[in-house]
N, C-alpha and C. Protein backbone atom coordinates (compact mmCIF):
# COMPACT_ATOMS: atom_id res chain seq x y z
N MET A 1 6.30 27.57 -38.05
CA MET A 1 5.21 26.69 -38.36
C MET A 1 5.05 25.68 -37.22
N GLU A 2 3.83 25.58 -36.73
CA GLU A 2 3.54 24.64 -35.65
C GLU A 2 2.90 23.38 -36.21
N HIS A 3 3.31 22.25 -35.68
CA HIS A 3 2.72 20.97 -36.09
C HIS A 3 1.67 20.57 -35.07
N GLN A 4 0.50 20.27 -35.54
CA GLN A 4 -0.60 19.90 -34.66
C GLN A 4 -0.85 18.39 -34.63
N ASN A 5 -0.09 17.66 -35.40
CA ASN A 5 -0.29 16.21 -35.44
C ASN A 5 0.56 15.53 -34.38
N HIS A 6 -0.09 15.06 -33.35
CA HIS A 6 0.60 14.35 -32.27
C HIS A 6 0.08 12.92 -32.25
N ASN A 7 0.97 11.97 -32.29
CA ASN A 7 0.54 10.58 -32.25
C ASN A 7 1.05 9.87 -31.00
N THR A 8 1.25 10.62 -29.95
CA THR A 8 1.75 10.03 -28.70
C THR A 8 0.66 9.92 -27.65
N ASP A 9 -0.61 9.94 -28.09
CA ASP A 9 -1.70 9.78 -27.13
C ASP A 9 -1.63 8.38 -26.52
N SER A 10 -1.89 8.32 -25.22
CA SER A 10 -1.87 7.02 -24.57
C SER A 10 -3.13 6.24 -24.93
N ARG A 11 -2.97 4.94 -25.10
CA ARG A 11 -4.11 4.08 -25.39
C ARG A 11 -4.74 3.66 -24.07
N LYS A 12 -6.02 3.87 -23.95
CA LYS A 12 -6.70 3.54 -22.71
C LYS A 12 -7.08 2.06 -22.68
N ASN A 13 -7.11 1.52 -21.49
CA ASN A 13 -7.53 0.13 -21.27
C ASN A 13 -6.70 -0.86 -22.08
N LYS A 14 -5.43 -0.64 -22.13
CA LYS A 14 -4.56 -1.51 -22.91
C LYS A 14 -4.32 -2.84 -22.20
N HIS A 15 -4.18 -2.82 -20.92
CA HIS A 15 -3.87 -4.03 -20.16
C HIS A 15 -4.89 -4.23 -19.05
N LEU A 16 -5.09 -5.47 -18.69
CA LEU A 16 -5.89 -5.78 -17.51
C LEU A 16 -4.98 -5.68 -16.29
N ASN A 17 -5.53 -5.18 -15.21
CA ASN A 17 -4.72 -5.16 -13.99
C ASN A 17 -4.97 -6.43 -13.18
N PHE A 18 -4.21 -6.60 -12.13
CA PHE A 18 -4.27 -7.82 -11.33
C PHE A 18 -5.67 -8.04 -10.75
N LYS A 19 -6.30 -6.97 -10.30
CA LYS A 19 -7.63 -7.07 -9.72
C LYS A 19 -8.64 -7.59 -10.74
N GLU A 20 -8.54 -7.11 -11.98
CA GLU A 20 -9.45 -7.56 -13.03
C GLU A 20 -9.20 -9.03 -13.38
N ARG A 21 -7.95 -9.43 -13.39
CA ARG A 21 -7.63 -10.84 -13.67
C ARG A 21 -8.20 -11.75 -12.58
N CYS A 22 -8.08 -11.32 -11.33
CA CYS A 22 -8.63 -12.10 -10.22
C CYS A 22 -10.15 -12.18 -10.32
N LEU A 23 -10.78 -11.07 -10.70
CA LEU A 23 -12.23 -11.05 -10.84
C LEU A 23 -12.68 -12.00 -11.95
N ILE A 24 -11.95 -12.03 -13.05
CA ILE A 24 -12.27 -12.96 -14.14
C ILE A 24 -12.21 -14.39 -13.63
N GLU A 25 -11.16 -14.70 -12.89
CA GLU A 25 -10.99 -16.05 -12.36
C GLU A 25 -12.13 -16.43 -11.42
N LEU A 26 -12.49 -15.52 -10.52
CA LEU A 26 -13.57 -15.80 -9.57
C LEU A 26 -14.91 -15.98 -10.27
N ARG A 27 -15.19 -15.11 -11.24
CA ARG A 27 -16.47 -15.20 -11.95
C ARG A 27 -16.57 -16.48 -12.78
N LEU A 28 -15.44 -16.91 -13.37
CA LEU A 28 -15.45 -18.17 -14.12
C LEU A 28 -15.73 -19.34 -13.19
N LYS A 29 -15.13 -19.32 -12.01
CA LYS A 29 -15.36 -20.40 -11.04
C LYS A 29 -16.81 -20.42 -10.57
N ASP A 30 -17.45 -19.23 -10.53
CA ASP A 30 -18.86 -19.14 -10.14
C ASP A 30 -19.79 -19.55 -11.27
N GLY A 31 -19.24 -19.77 -12.47
CA GLY A 31 -20.06 -20.22 -13.59
C GLY A 31 -20.56 -19.12 -14.50
N ASN A 32 -20.07 -17.90 -14.33
CA ASN A 32 -20.49 -16.82 -15.22
C ASN A 32 -19.87 -16.96 -16.59
N SER A 33 -20.56 -16.47 -17.60
CA SER A 33 -20.04 -16.54 -18.97
C SER A 33 -19.02 -15.42 -19.18
N PRO A 34 -18.10 -15.62 -20.12
CA PRO A 34 -17.14 -14.56 -20.45
C PRO A 34 -17.84 -13.26 -20.87
N TYR A 35 -18.97 -13.38 -21.57
CA TYR A 35 -19.72 -12.19 -21.98
C TYR A 35 -20.19 -11.39 -20.77
N LYS A 36 -20.73 -12.08 -19.79
CA LYS A 36 -21.22 -11.42 -18.58
C LYS A 36 -20.07 -10.76 -17.81
N ILE A 37 -18.94 -11.44 -17.75
CA ILE A 37 -17.76 -10.90 -17.07
C ILE A 37 -17.27 -9.64 -17.77
N ALA A 38 -17.24 -9.68 -19.10
CA ALA A 38 -16.79 -8.52 -19.88
C ALA A 38 -17.69 -7.32 -19.63
N LYS A 39 -18.99 -7.54 -19.58
CA LYS A 39 -19.92 -6.44 -19.32
C LYS A 39 -19.71 -5.86 -17.92
N GLU A 40 -19.46 -6.73 -16.96
CA GLU A 40 -19.23 -6.27 -15.58
C GLU A 40 -17.96 -5.42 -15.48
N LEU A 41 -16.92 -5.84 -16.20
CA LEU A 41 -15.65 -5.11 -16.17
C LEU A 41 -15.65 -3.87 -17.07
N GLY A 42 -16.59 -3.83 -18.00
CA GLY A 42 -16.59 -2.73 -18.96
C GLY A 42 -15.49 -2.89 -19.99
N ARG A 43 -15.16 -4.14 -20.31
CA ARG A 43 -14.10 -4.46 -21.26
C ARG A 43 -14.69 -5.19 -22.45
N PRO A 44 -13.99 -5.16 -23.57
CA PRO A 44 -14.47 -5.94 -24.72
C PRO A 44 -14.43 -7.44 -24.42
N ILE A 45 -15.37 -8.16 -25.02
CA ILE A 45 -15.44 -9.61 -24.81
C ILE A 45 -14.15 -10.29 -25.25
N ASN A 46 -13.52 -9.80 -26.31
CA ASN A 46 -12.28 -10.41 -26.79
C ASN A 46 -11.15 -10.29 -25.77
N THR A 47 -11.14 -9.22 -25.01
CA THR A 47 -10.11 -9.06 -23.98
C THR A 47 -10.24 -10.16 -22.93
N VAL A 48 -11.46 -10.41 -22.51
CA VAL A 48 -11.70 -11.45 -21.50
C VAL A 48 -11.39 -12.83 -22.09
N LEU A 49 -11.83 -13.08 -23.32
CA LEU A 49 -11.56 -14.37 -23.96
C LEU A 49 -10.07 -14.59 -24.16
N ASN A 50 -9.35 -13.56 -24.55
CA ASN A 50 -7.90 -13.68 -24.72
C ASN A 50 -7.22 -14.01 -23.40
N GLU A 51 -7.69 -13.40 -22.34
CA GLU A 51 -7.12 -13.66 -21.03
C GLU A 51 -7.35 -15.11 -20.61
N ILE A 52 -8.52 -15.62 -20.90
CA ILE A 52 -8.84 -17.02 -20.56
C ILE A 52 -7.99 -17.96 -21.42
N ARG A 53 -7.89 -17.68 -22.71
CA ARG A 53 -7.10 -18.52 -23.61
C ARG A 53 -5.62 -18.49 -23.27
N ARG A 54 -5.15 -17.34 -22.86
CA ARG A 54 -3.74 -17.18 -22.52
C ARG A 54 -3.37 -18.03 -21.32
N GLY A 55 -4.34 -18.28 -20.46
CA GLY A 55 -4.10 -19.16 -19.34
C GLY A 55 -3.61 -18.46 -18.08
N THR A 56 -3.68 -17.14 -18.04
CA THR A 56 -3.25 -16.44 -16.83
C THR A 56 -4.33 -16.49 -15.77
N THR A 57 -5.55 -16.87 -16.18
CA THR A 57 -6.60 -17.12 -15.20
C THR A 57 -7.01 -18.58 -15.35
N THR A 58 -7.33 -19.22 -14.24
CA THR A 58 -7.73 -20.62 -14.32
C THR A 58 -9.22 -20.70 -14.51
N GLN A 59 -9.64 -21.74 -15.22
CA GLN A 59 -11.06 -21.90 -15.52
C GLN A 59 -11.74 -22.78 -14.50
């Protein structure tokens, strides 16, 4: 009997990379909104907002 249920699929876009964090920081300094930054990165708005709240990027 073969089992077809695999739950080890990798989750895509789980973490922001360094380049994306730098881009968030630069865009915030330029005055762009978090919504606009999220659309540019192709990431959910909550991901960008969490990154800003976490403080790994400066505002």
